[in-house]
Each structure stands twice: as structure tokens, then as C-alpha cells.
Amino acid sequence: MPDRSIEFGKYGARGIKGFEAVARRLDALAGYVATPVTVRRGLLARLHYLTRTDHARAAAREAGLTVTDRTIKAWLQGGRGPSKRNLDKIEAAYRTVRRHNVARHLLGRLNAAGRGTRVEIHPLNQSQVDRPRQRVVEFRTLNVRHWDRVVEAWAAGDDQALDDAWVEQIVDLGSQWGQYEYVTNVGFAA
């Protein structure tokens, strides 16, 4: 029964898809470089991360950073700077490689040897919806024991698979799970 809110926001409700909130939280747990790629320090941090080993270089090329080693060396030395398009490629490759590198570690922490992780689901914001049209949706908690598909889809950057994996987890809320397709926040720690 996913995607039953075909006209979400028609009456003023606000929120984001649950899987997007989960992806944001996993991104926060991944610990990306905080300095933007447009600042030299941020650029250097990303380039060092993407070029420190042969495995990292191969993963960066696979993720879309297809410039030559000579060009990367010039960027690192400050002789030349990357174009806007290459900055976007560097950022995308960095995020892809970082997600892949931390996925196994996050999975182990979230599964917690079968105990799982407690997840807090904050419902959508209905403050702009007229009273007769408001639903009774409350803050819920859920213990997710199997994060494998969620983390795998997040690491691959596959939104549809992440949505499917997240819906598979929230059906444990019972008959009300459809009310949590859109949320204001999903919180958990690892």
C-alpha cells in the first residue's frame, strides 16, 4: 500500500518521504567532510580521500571521476583548479565512495548483534491543515532489527530500493504504518 498519499500536501500538510529522512540520518552518521568542495580545504580533503590508495582511485573512477592522474596531481598542488562540473563529479564520487566504505561498519552497529536499533518516527506536520481534515498521527518508536537492505540500498544510492526496504520495516507499526509514509524526521543512533 505504499504511495497511497497521491496528493500529499493538498490540504497543507508538510513532510518528506520516510526513506529520505532515513537517508539523511545515515548520511549524518557517515561523517562526511564538513567543509564544502568549493573551498580549497574541502577539495583537498576529498581528493586525498579519493586518491590515497589504488582501491580508492578505482572506486572514484567507478563513481564517475574520470580525470587523469596528472590532472588530479595539478589540483592537489594548486596549479589548476577543477571546473564546476568536475567539482560536482568530485563531490558525487566522494559521497559514493564514503557511503560504500562506511556501510559495513554502520550495518554492524545498527544491527547490534541482532538487538537492532530503536528508531523514532516523527509524524508529518499538519499545523497548516484545517481541523476537520487533520488526521490523528502521533510520535512512534520502532525497534528495527534487520538493517541489511536499508543500508545496502543507501550505499548504492538506489532511492526506490531504499523506499521499498524502509516500507518493509515500518509495516511492523501495524495497521497504521501507511500514516508514516511522510514524516518530519526519523531519528536513530548507531
N, C-alpha and C. Protein backbone atom coordinates (compact mmCIF):
# COMPACT_ATOMS: atom_id res chain seq x y z
N MET A 1 0.81 -1.20 0.00
CA MET A 1 0.00 0.00 0.00
C MET A 1 0.85 1.27 0.00
N PRO A 2 2.11 1.21 -0.43
CA PRO A 2 2.88 2.43 -0.49
C PRO A 2 2.34 3.40 -1.54
N ASP A 3 2.73 4.65 -1.41
CA ASP A 3 2.32 5.72 -2.32
C ASP A 3 0.81 5.92 -2.33
N ARG A 4 0.17 5.73 -1.20
CA ARG A 4 -1.26 5.97 -1.16
C ARG A 4 -1.58 7.44 -0.97
N SER A 5 -0.61 8.25 -0.65
CA SER A 5 -0.81 9.69 -0.49
C SER A 5 -0.49 10.37 -1.82
N ILE A 6 -1.31 10.12 -2.80
CA ILE A 6 -1.04 10.59 -4.15
C ILE A 6 -1.00 12.11 -4.21
N GLU A 7 -1.86 12.77 -3.46
CA GLU A 7 -1.91 14.23 -3.46
C GLU A 7 -1.39 14.78 -2.14
N PHE A 8 -0.24 14.31 -1.71
CA PHE A 8 0.31 14.76 -0.44
C PHE A 8 0.51 16.26 -0.47
N GLY A 9 0.09 16.92 0.61
CA GLY A 9 0.25 18.36 0.73
C GLY A 9 -0.91 19.15 0.16
N LYS A 10 -1.91 18.49 -0.37
CA LYS A 10 -3.05 19.19 -0.97
C LYS A 10 -3.74 20.12 0.03
N TYR A 11 -3.83 19.69 1.29
CA TYR A 11 -4.51 20.50 2.29
C TYR A 11 -3.55 21.22 3.23
N GLY A 12 -2.26 21.19 2.91
CA GLY A 12 -1.29 21.96 3.68
C GLY A 12 -0.35 21.15 4.55
N ALA A 13 -0.45 19.83 4.52
CA ALA A 13 0.47 19.00 5.32
C ALA A 13 1.87 19.13 4.75
N ARG A 14 2.87 19.05 5.64
CA ARG A 14 4.27 19.17 5.20
C ARG A 14 5.07 18.01 5.77
N GLY A 15 6.02 17.56 4.98
CA GLY A 15 6.90 16.47 5.41
C GLY A 15 7.71 15.97 4.23
N ILE A 16 8.50 14.95 4.50
CA ILE A 16 9.30 14.30 3.46
C ILE A 16 9.02 12.81 3.53
N LYS A 17 9.37 12.11 2.46
CA LYS A 17 9.20 10.66 2.46
C LYS A 17 10.06 10.05 3.56
N GLY A 18 9.59 9.01 4.19
CA GLY A 18 10.31 8.37 5.29
C GLY A 18 11.69 7.90 4.88
N PHE A 19 11.82 7.32 3.69
CA PHE A 19 13.13 6.82 3.25
C PHE A 19 14.12 7.96 3.05
N GLU A 20 13.64 9.15 2.67
CA GLU A 20 14.53 10.31 2.54
C GLU A 20 15.07 10.74 3.90
N ALA A 21 14.21 10.68 4.92
CA ALA A 21 14.66 11.02 6.28
C ALA A 21 15.68 10.00 6.77
N VAL A 22 15.48 8.73 6.44
CA VAL A 22 16.43 7.68 6.83
C VAL A 22 17.76 7.92 6.11
N ALA A 23 17.72 8.25 4.82
CA ALA A 23 18.95 8.52 4.06
C ALA A 23 19.70 9.71 4.65
N ARG A 24 18.98 10.75 5.04
CA ARG A 24 19.63 11.91 5.66
C ARG A 24 20.32 11.53 6.96
N ARG A 25 19.66 10.70 7.74
CA ARG A 25 20.26 10.29 9.02
C ARG A 25 21.48 9.40 8.79
N LEU A 26 21.40 8.49 7.84
CA LEU A 26 22.56 7.65 7.52
C LEU A 26 23.71 8.50 6.98
N ASP A 27 23.38 9.51 6.18
CA ASP A 27 24.42 10.44 5.70
C ASP A 27 25.08 11.15 6.87
N ALA A 28 24.29 11.56 7.85
CA ALA A 28 24.86 12.23 9.03
C ALA A 28 25.78 11.28 9.80
N LEU A 29 25.38 10.01 9.89
CA LEU A 29 26.20 9.03 10.60
C LEU A 29 27.47 8.68 9.81
N ALA A 30 27.45 8.87 8.49
CA ALA A 30 28.61 8.54 7.66
C ALA A 30 29.77 9.50 7.92
N GLY A 31 29.48 10.70 8.39
CA GLY A 31 30.54 11.64 8.75
C GLY A 31 31.30 12.19 7.56
N TYR A 32 30.61 12.83 6.66
CA TYR A 32 31.26 13.45 5.50
C TYR A 32 32.12 14.63 5.94
N VAL A 33 33.01 15.06 5.06
CA VAL A 33 33.81 16.25 5.29
C VAL A 33 32.85 17.44 5.33
N ALA A 34 32.95 18.26 6.38
CA ALA A 34 32.02 19.38 6.56
C ALA A 34 32.33 20.56 5.66
N THR A 35 33.59 20.79 5.35
CA THR A 35 33.97 21.92 4.52
C THR A 35 33.49 21.69 3.09
N PRO A 36 32.85 22.68 2.47
CA PRO A 36 32.35 22.49 1.10
C PRO A 36 33.47 22.22 0.10
N VAL A 37 33.13 21.55 -0.98
CA VAL A 37 34.11 21.20 -2.00
C VAL A 37 34.62 22.45 -2.72
N THR A 38 33.88 23.54 -2.67
CA THR A 38 34.28 24.77 -3.34
C THR A 38 35.41 25.50 -2.61
N VAL A 39 35.66 25.15 -1.36
CA VAL A 39 36.76 25.72 -0.58
C VAL A 39 37.97 24.80 -0.75
N ARG A 40 39.14 25.36 -0.88
CA ARG A 40 40.35 24.56 -1.14
C ARG A 40 40.54 23.44 -0.12
N ARG A 41 40.32 23.74 1.14
CA ARG A 41 40.48 22.71 2.19
C ARG A 41 39.54 21.52 1.97
N GLY A 42 38.29 21.81 1.62
CA GLY A 42 37.32 20.75 1.35
C GLY A 42 37.68 19.95 0.11
N LEU A 43 38.15 20.66 -0.92
CA LEU A 43 38.57 19.98 -2.14
C LEU A 43 39.74 19.04 -1.86
N LEU A 44 40.73 19.54 -1.14
CA LEU A 44 41.91 18.71 -0.83
C LEU A 44 41.53 17.49 0.01
N ALA A 45 40.66 17.69 0.99
CA ALA A 45 40.24 16.56 1.82
C ALA A 45 39.58 15.47 0.97
N ARG A 46 38.71 15.88 0.06
CA ARG A 46 38.03 14.91 -0.80
C ARG A 46 39.01 14.23 -1.76
N LEU A 47 39.90 15.01 -2.36
CA LEU A 47 40.87 14.43 -3.29
C LEU A 47 41.81 13.46 -2.58
N HIS A 48 42.26 13.79 -1.38
CA HIS A 48 43.12 12.86 -0.64
C HIS A 48 42.35 11.58 -0.30
N TYR A 49 41.09 11.72 0.06
CA TYR A 49 40.27 10.54 0.38
C TYR A 49 40.11 9.65 -0.85
N LEU A 50 39.93 10.28 -2.02
CA LEU A 50 39.68 9.52 -3.25
C LEU A 50 40.95 8.98 -3.91
N THR A 51 42.13 9.45 -3.47
CA THR A 51 43.35 9.04 -4.16
C THR A 51 44.40 8.40 -3.24
N ARG A 52 44.06 8.14 -2.00
CA ARG A 52 45.09 7.65 -1.07
C ARG A 52 45.52 6.21 -1.34
N THR A 53 44.67 5.42 -1.95
CA THR A 53 45.03 4.03 -2.29
C THR A 53 44.57 3.71 -3.71
N ASP A 54 45.09 2.63 -4.25
CA ASP A 54 44.66 2.20 -5.58
C ASP A 54 43.19 1.81 -5.58
N HIS A 55 42.75 1.20 -4.48
CA HIS A 55 41.34 0.81 -4.35
C HIS A 55 40.44 2.05 -4.35
N ALA A 56 40.86 3.10 -3.65
CA ALA A 56 40.07 4.33 -3.61
C ALA A 56 40.03 4.99 -4.99
N ARG A 57 41.14 4.97 -5.70
CA ARG A 57 41.18 5.54 -7.05
C ARG A 57 40.22 4.79 -7.98
N ALA A 58 40.25 3.47 -7.89
CA ALA A 58 39.37 2.66 -8.73
C ALA A 58 37.90 2.93 -8.40
N ALA A 59 37.59 3.04 -7.12
CA ALA A 59 36.21 3.32 -6.70
C ALA A 59 35.79 4.71 -7.17
N ALA A 60 36.69 5.68 -7.13
CA ALA A 60 36.39 7.04 -7.60
C ALA A 60 36.11 7.04 -9.10
N ARG A 61 36.89 6.27 -9.85
CA ARG A 61 36.65 6.19 -11.30
C ARG A 61 35.31 5.52 -11.58
N GLU A 62 35.02 4.49 -10.82
CA GLU A 62 33.74 3.80 -10.96
C GLU A 62 32.57 4.72 -10.63
N ALA A 63 32.79 5.64 -9.69
CA ALA A 63 31.74 6.56 -9.26
C ALA A 63 31.61 7.77 -10.17
N GLY A 64 32.47 7.89 -11.19
CA GLY A 64 32.29 8.95 -12.16
C GLY A 64 33.40 9.97 -12.26
N LEU A 65 34.43 9.88 -11.45
CA LEU A 65 35.56 10.82 -11.52
C LEU A 65 36.58 10.26 -12.51
N THR A 66 36.51 10.70 -13.77
CA THR A 66 37.29 10.08 -14.84
C THR A 66 38.43 10.95 -15.36
N VAL A 67 38.94 11.85 -14.54
CA VAL A 67 40.07 12.68 -14.96
C VAL A 67 41.38 11.90 -14.79
N THR A 68 42.43 12.38 -15.43
CA THR A 68 43.72 11.68 -15.38
C THR A 68 44.42 11.94 -14.04
N ASP A 69 45.39 11.08 -13.74
CA ASP A 69 46.17 11.26 -12.51
C ASP A 69 46.96 12.57 -12.56
N ARG A 70 47.38 12.96 -13.74
CA ARG A 70 48.11 14.21 -13.91
C ARG A 70 47.24 15.41 -13.52
N THR A 71 45.98 15.37 -13.93
CA THR A 71 45.05 16.45 -13.59
C THR A 71 44.82 16.50 -12.08
N ILE A 72 44.63 15.36 -11.46
CA ILE A 72 44.42 15.31 -10.01
C ILE A 72 45.66 15.84 -9.29
N LYS A 73 46.83 15.49 -9.77
CA LYS A 73 48.08 15.98 -9.17
C LYS A 73 48.15 17.52 -9.27
N ALA A 74 47.75 18.06 -10.41
CA ALA A 74 47.74 19.53 -10.58
C ALA A 74 46.76 20.18 -9.63
N TRP A 75 45.61 19.55 -9.41
CA TRP A 75 44.62 20.08 -8.45
C TRP A 75 45.18 20.05 -7.04
N LEU A 76 45.84 18.95 -6.70
CA LEU A 76 46.40 18.82 -5.35
C LEU A 76 47.52 19.83 -5.09
N GLN A 77 48.31 20.13 -6.10
CA GLN A 77 49.41 21.07 -5.95
C GLN A 77 48.95 22.52 -6.06
N GLY A 78 47.72 22.73 -6.51
CA GLY A 78 47.20 24.08 -6.62
C GLY A 78 47.54 24.76 -7.93
N GLY A 79 48.14 24.04 -8.86
CA GLY A 79 48.48 24.61 -10.17
C GLY A 79 47.25 24.96 -10.98
N ARG A 80 46.25 24.11 -10.88
CA ARG A 80 44.98 24.32 -11.57
C ARG A 80 43.85 24.02 -10.61
N GLY A 81 42.70 24.53 -10.93
CA GLY A 81 41.51 24.22 -10.14
C GLY A 81 40.48 23.51 -11.00
N PRO A 82 39.70 22.65 -10.42
CA PRO A 82 38.68 21.94 -11.20
C PRO A 82 37.54 22.86 -11.62
N SER A 83 36.91 22.53 -12.73
CA SER A 83 35.74 23.27 -13.21
C SER A 83 34.55 22.95 -12.31
N LYS A 84 33.47 23.69 -12.49
CA LYS A 84 32.25 23.46 -11.71
C LYS A 84 31.74 22.02 -11.94
N ARG A 85 31.80 21.57 -13.18
CA ARG A 85 31.36 20.21 -13.49
C ARG A 85 32.21 19.17 -12.78
N ASN A 86 33.53 19.39 -12.77
CA ASN A 86 34.42 18.46 -12.09
C ASN A 86 34.26 18.53 -10.57
N LEU A 87 33.96 19.71 -10.03
CA LEU A 87 33.68 19.81 -8.59
C LEU A 87 32.47 18.97 -8.23
N ASP A 88 31.43 19.01 -9.08
CA ASP A 88 30.24 18.19 -8.84
C ASP A 88 30.59 16.70 -8.92
N LYS A 89 31.45 16.33 -9.87
CA LYS A 89 31.86 14.92 -10.00
C LYS A 89 32.68 14.48 -8.79
N ILE A 90 33.55 15.37 -8.31
CA ILE A 90 34.36 15.05 -7.12
C ILE A 90 33.45 14.82 -5.92
N GLU A 91 32.48 15.71 -5.72
CA GLU A 91 31.56 15.59 -4.59
C GLU A 91 30.75 14.30 -4.69
N ALA A 92 30.21 14.01 -5.88
CA ALA A 92 29.42 12.79 -6.07
C ALA A 92 30.27 11.54 -5.84
N ALA A 93 31.48 11.53 -6.39
CA ALA A 93 32.36 10.37 -6.21
C ALA A 93 32.74 10.21 -4.75
N TYR A 94 33.03 11.32 -4.07
CA TYR A 94 33.39 11.25 -2.65
C TYR A 94 32.25 10.66 -1.84
N ARG A 95 31.04 11.15 -2.04
CA ARG A 95 29.89 10.64 -1.28
C ARG A 95 29.64 9.16 -1.58
N THR A 96 29.76 8.78 -2.83
CA THR A 96 29.55 7.38 -3.21
C THR A 96 30.59 6.47 -2.56
N VAL A 97 31.85 6.86 -2.65
CA VAL A 97 32.93 6.05 -2.07
C VAL A 97 32.82 6.02 -0.55
N ARG A 98 32.51 7.15 0.06
CA ARG A 98 32.38 7.21 1.53
C ARG A 98 31.23 6.32 2.00
N ARG A 99 30.09 6.39 1.31
CA ARG A 99 28.95 5.52 1.67
C ARG A 99 29.35 4.06 1.60
N HIS A 100 30.02 3.70 0.52
CA HIS A 100 30.45 2.31 0.34
C HIS A 100 31.41 1.88 1.46
N ASN A 101 32.34 2.78 1.83
CA ASN A 101 33.35 2.44 2.83
C ASN A 101 32.77 2.31 4.24
N VAL A 102 31.76 3.10 4.58
CA VAL A 102 31.24 3.05 5.96
C VAL A 102 30.03 2.14 6.10
N ALA A 103 29.50 1.62 5.00
CA ALA A 103 28.27 0.82 5.04
C ALA A 103 28.40 -0.40 5.95
N ARG A 104 29.50 -1.15 5.82
CA ARG A 104 29.67 -2.36 6.62
C ARG A 104 29.74 -2.03 8.11
N HIS A 105 30.47 -0.97 8.43
CA HIS A 105 30.59 -0.54 9.83
C HIS A 105 29.23 -0.11 10.39
N LEU A 106 28.50 0.71 9.63
CA LEU A 106 27.17 1.15 10.08
C LEU A 106 26.22 -0.02 10.25
N LEU A 107 26.28 -0.96 9.32
CA LEU A 107 25.40 -2.12 9.38
C LEU A 107 25.63 -2.91 10.66
N GLY A 108 26.88 -3.13 11.01
CA GLY A 108 27.18 -3.84 12.25
C GLY A 108 26.67 -3.10 13.48
N ARG A 109 26.84 -1.80 13.50
CA ARG A 109 26.37 -1.01 14.65
C ARG A 109 24.86 -0.95 14.73
N LEU A 110 24.18 -0.82 13.58
CA LEU A 110 22.73 -0.72 13.59
C LEU A 110 22.07 -2.06 13.92
N ASN A 111 22.60 -3.16 13.40
CA ASN A 111 22.04 -4.47 13.71
C ASN A 111 22.33 -4.87 15.16
N ALA A 112 23.42 -4.39 15.71
CA ALA A 112 23.79 -4.61 17.11
C ALA A 112 23.63 -6.07 17.54
N ALA A 113 24.24 -6.96 16.78
CA ALA A 113 24.23 -8.39 17.09
C ALA A 113 22.82 -8.94 17.29
N GLY A 114 21.89 -8.49 16.44
CA GLY A 114 20.51 -8.99 16.50
C GLY A 114 19.58 -8.20 17.40
N ARG A 115 20.13 -7.29 18.21
CA ARG A 115 19.26 -6.49 19.08
C ARG A 115 18.59 -5.35 18.33
N GLY A 116 19.21 -4.90 17.26
CA GLY A 116 18.64 -3.83 16.44
C GLY A 116 18.86 -2.46 17.04
N THR A 117 18.20 -1.48 16.45
CA THR A 117 18.33 -0.09 16.86
C THR A 117 16.95 0.53 16.99
N ARG A 118 16.75 1.28 18.04
CA ARG A 118 15.47 1.96 18.26
C ARG A 118 15.39 3.16 17.31
N VAL A 119 14.25 3.27 16.63
CA VAL A 119 14.03 4.34 15.66
C VAL A 119 12.84 5.17 16.13
N GLU A 120 13.01 6.49 16.13
CA GLU A 120 11.92 7.40 16.47
C GLU A 120 11.37 7.99 15.18
N ILE A 121 10.07 7.90 14.99
CA ILE A 121 9.43 8.42 13.79
C ILE A 121 8.55 9.59 14.18
N HIS A 122 8.91 10.77 13.68
CA HIS A 122 8.15 11.98 13.97
C HIS A 122 7.16 12.20 12.82
N PRO A 123 5.87 12.30 13.13
CA PRO A 123 4.86 12.36 12.07
C PRO A 123 4.94 13.65 11.26
N LEU A 124 4.19 13.66 10.16
CA LEU A 124 4.17 14.84 9.30
C LEU A 124 3.60 16.04 10.04
N ASN A 125 3.90 17.23 9.55
CA ASN A 125 3.46 18.47 10.16
C ASN A 125 2.11 18.85 9.58
N GLN A 126 1.08 18.88 10.42
CA GLN A 126 -0.27 19.21 9.98
C GLN A 126 -0.73 20.57 10.50
N SER A 127 0.20 21.42 10.92
CA SER A 127 -0.18 22.70 11.51
C SER A 127 -0.92 23.61 10.52
N GLN A 128 -0.73 23.43 9.22
CA GLN A 128 -1.39 24.26 8.22
C GLN A 128 -2.66 23.61 7.65
N VAL A 129 -3.04 22.47 8.18
CA VAL A 129 -4.23 21.75 7.70
C VAL A 129 -5.42 22.15 8.54
N ASP A 130 -6.57 22.42 7.90
CA ASP A 130 -7.79 22.75 8.64
C ASP A 130 -8.15 21.62 9.59
N ARG A 131 -8.67 21.97 10.75
CA ARG A 131 -9.00 20.98 11.79
C ARG A 131 -9.82 19.79 11.30
N PRO A 132 -10.89 19.98 10.54
CA PRO A 132 -11.68 18.81 10.13
C PRO A 132 -10.90 17.82 9.25
N ARG A 133 -9.84 18.28 8.60
CA ARG A 133 -9.09 17.42 7.69
C ARG A 133 -7.85 16.82 8.34
N GLN A 134 -7.53 17.17 9.56
CA GLN A 134 -6.34 16.64 10.22
C GLN A 134 -6.56 15.20 10.65
N ARG A 135 -5.51 14.40 10.50
CA ARG A 135 -5.52 13.02 10.98
C ARG A 135 -4.87 12.97 12.35
N VAL A 136 -5.20 11.97 13.10
CA VAL A 136 -4.53 11.76 14.37
C VAL A 136 -3.31 10.90 14.08
N VAL A 137 -2.15 11.54 14.07
CA VAL A 137 -0.90 10.86 13.80
C VAL A 137 0.04 11.23 14.93
N GLU A 138 0.62 10.24 15.55
CA GLU A 138 1.43 10.50 16.74
C GLU A 138 2.87 10.03 16.57
N PHE A 139 3.72 10.52 17.42
CA PHE A 139 5.12 10.10 17.50
C PHE A 139 5.16 8.61 17.79
N ARG A 140 6.00 7.87 17.05
CA ARG A 140 6.09 6.42 17.26
C ARG A 140 7.54 6.01 17.38
N THR A 141 7.77 4.91 18.06
CA THR A 141 9.09 4.31 18.12
C THR A 141 8.98 2.88 17.60
N LEU A 142 10.08 2.41 17.07
CA LEU A 142 10.11 1.09 16.46
C LEU A 142 11.52 0.55 16.62
N ASN A 143 11.66 -0.71 16.93
CA ASN A 143 12.98 -1.32 17.00
C ASN A 143 13.22 -2.09 15.70
N VAL A 144 14.16 -1.59 14.90
CA VAL A 144 14.49 -2.23 13.63
C VAL A 144 15.67 -3.16 13.86
N ARG A 145 15.46 -4.46 13.60
CA ARG A 145 16.49 -5.46 13.86
C ARG A 145 17.31 -5.81 12.63
N HIS A 146 16.74 -5.62 11.44
CA HIS A 146 17.42 -6.03 10.21
C HIS A 146 17.59 -4.81 9.29
N TRP A 147 18.79 -4.26 9.28
CA TRP A 147 19.10 -3.06 8.51
C TRP A 147 19.77 -3.38 7.19
N ASP A 148 19.98 -4.64 6.87
CA ASP A 148 20.77 -5.03 5.72
C ASP A 148 20.30 -4.38 4.42
N ARG A 149 19.02 -4.53 4.07
CA ARG A 149 18.50 -3.99 2.82
C ARG A 149 18.50 -2.46 2.83
N VAL A 150 18.22 -1.86 3.98
CA VAL A 150 18.20 -0.39 4.07
C VAL A 150 19.59 0.17 3.82
N VAL A 151 20.59 -0.34 4.51
CA VAL A 151 21.95 0.16 4.36
C VAL A 151 22.50 -0.16 2.98
N GLU A 152 22.20 -1.32 2.45
CA GLU A 152 22.66 -1.69 1.11
C GLU A 152 22.10 -0.74 0.05
N ALA A 153 20.81 -0.43 0.13
CA ALA A 153 20.19 0.49 -0.82
C ALA A 153 20.74 1.90 -0.66
N TRP A 154 20.97 2.33 0.58
CA TRP A 154 21.55 3.65 0.84
C TRP A 154 22.96 3.75 0.26
N ALA A 155 23.77 2.72 0.50
CA ALA A 155 25.15 2.73 0.00
C ALA A 155 25.18 2.75 -1.53
N ALA A 156 24.22 2.10 -2.15
CA ALA A 156 24.16 2.06 -3.62
C ALA A 156 23.53 3.33 -4.20
N GLY A 157 22.89 4.13 -3.35
CA GLY A 157 22.24 5.34 -3.83
C GLY A 157 20.96 5.05 -4.60
N ASP A 158 20.33 3.91 -4.32
CA ASP A 158 19.11 3.49 -5.01
C ASP A 158 17.89 3.88 -4.20
N ASP A 159 17.24 5.00 -4.58
CA ASP A 159 16.11 5.51 -3.82
C ASP A 159 14.92 4.55 -3.80
N GLN A 160 14.62 3.92 -4.93
CA GLN A 160 13.47 3.01 -4.98
C GLN A 160 13.70 1.80 -4.06
N ALA A 161 14.89 1.24 -4.09
CA ALA A 161 15.19 0.10 -3.22
C ALA A 161 15.18 0.53 -1.76
N LEU A 162 15.66 1.74 -1.47
CA LEU A 162 15.63 2.25 -0.10
C LEU A 162 14.20 2.45 0.37
N ASP A 163 13.35 2.99 -0.50
CA ASP A 163 11.94 3.17 -0.16
C ASP A 163 11.29 1.82 0.14
N ASP A 164 11.53 0.83 -0.72
CA ASP A 164 10.95 -0.50 -0.51
C ASP A 164 11.46 -1.13 0.79
N ALA A 165 12.75 -0.99 1.04
CA ALA A 165 13.34 -1.57 2.26
C ALA A 165 12.78 -0.89 3.50
N TRP A 166 12.60 0.43 3.44
CA TRP A 166 12.07 1.17 4.60
C TRP A 166 10.61 0.80 4.84
N VAL A 167 9.81 0.70 3.78
CA VAL A 167 8.40 0.30 3.94
C VAL A 167 8.33 -1.09 4.56
N GLU A 168 9.23 -1.97 4.16
CA GLU A 168 9.27 -3.31 4.74
C GLU A 168 9.49 -3.27 6.26
N GLN A 169 10.22 -2.27 6.73
CA GLN A 169 10.48 -2.13 8.17
C GLN A 169 9.29 -1.51 8.90
N ILE A 170 8.67 -0.48 8.31
CA ILE A 170 7.61 0.23 9.05
C ILE A 170 6.28 -0.51 9.06
N VAL A 171 6.14 -1.56 8.28
CA VAL A 171 4.89 -2.34 8.38
C VAL A 171 4.75 -2.95 9.77
N ASP A 172 5.85 -3.02 10.52
CA ASP A 172 5.79 -3.51 11.89
C ASP A 172 5.02 -2.57 12.82
N LEU A 173 4.67 -1.37 12.34
CA LEU A 173 3.86 -0.45 13.14
C LEU A 173 2.40 -0.90 13.20
N GLY A 174 2.06 -1.90 12.43
CA GLY A 174 0.69 -2.40 12.43
C GLY A 174 -0.13 -1.74 11.35
N SER A 175 -1.43 -1.69 11.56
CA SER A 175 -2.34 -1.18 10.53
C SER A 175 -2.15 0.31 10.26
N GLN A 176 -1.43 1.03 11.11
CA GLN A 176 -1.24 2.46 10.94
C GLN A 176 0.02 2.81 10.14
N TRP A 177 0.74 1.84 9.65
CA TRP A 177 2.03 2.12 9.03
C TRP A 177 1.92 3.07 7.85
N GLY A 178 0.81 3.10 7.14
CA GLY A 178 0.64 3.98 6.00
C GLY A 178 0.63 5.45 6.36
N GLN A 179 0.34 5.76 7.61
CA GLN A 179 0.33 7.15 8.05
C GLN A 179 1.73 7.72 8.17
N TYR A 180 2.74 6.88 8.08
CA TYR A 180 4.12 7.32 8.25
C TYR A 180 4.91 7.27 6.95
N GLU A 181 4.18 7.34 5.83
CA GLU A 181 4.85 7.43 4.53
C GLU A 181 5.59 8.76 4.44
N TYR A 182 4.97 9.82 4.93
CA TYR A 182 5.60 11.14 5.03
C TYR A 182 5.81 11.48 6.49
N VAL A 183 6.97 12.02 6.80
CA VAL A 183 7.33 12.32 8.19
C VAL A 183 8.05 13.66 8.22
N THR A 184 8.24 14.19 9.44
CA THR A 184 9.10 15.37 9.57
C THR A 184 10.52 14.94 9.86
N ASN A 185 10.67 13.80 10.56
CA ASN A 185 12.02 13.34 10.89
C ASN A 185 11.99 11.87 11.29
N VAL A 186 13.09 11.19 11.02
CA VAL A 186 13.31 9.83 11.52
C VAL A 186 14.65 9.88 12.23
N GLY A 187 14.65 9.50 13.51
CA GLY A 187 15.88 9.59 14.29
C GLY A 187 16.32 8.24 14.83
N PHE A 188 17.61 8.00 14.78
CA PHE A 188 18.22 6.81 15.37
C PHE A 188 19.71 7.09 15.52
N ALA A 189 20.34 6.33 16.35
CA ALA A 189 21.79 6.48 16.57
C ALA A 189 22.46 5.15 16.31
N ALA A 190 23.75 5.20 16.00
CA ALA A 190 24.48 3.97 15.78
C ALA A 190 25.83 4.06 16.47
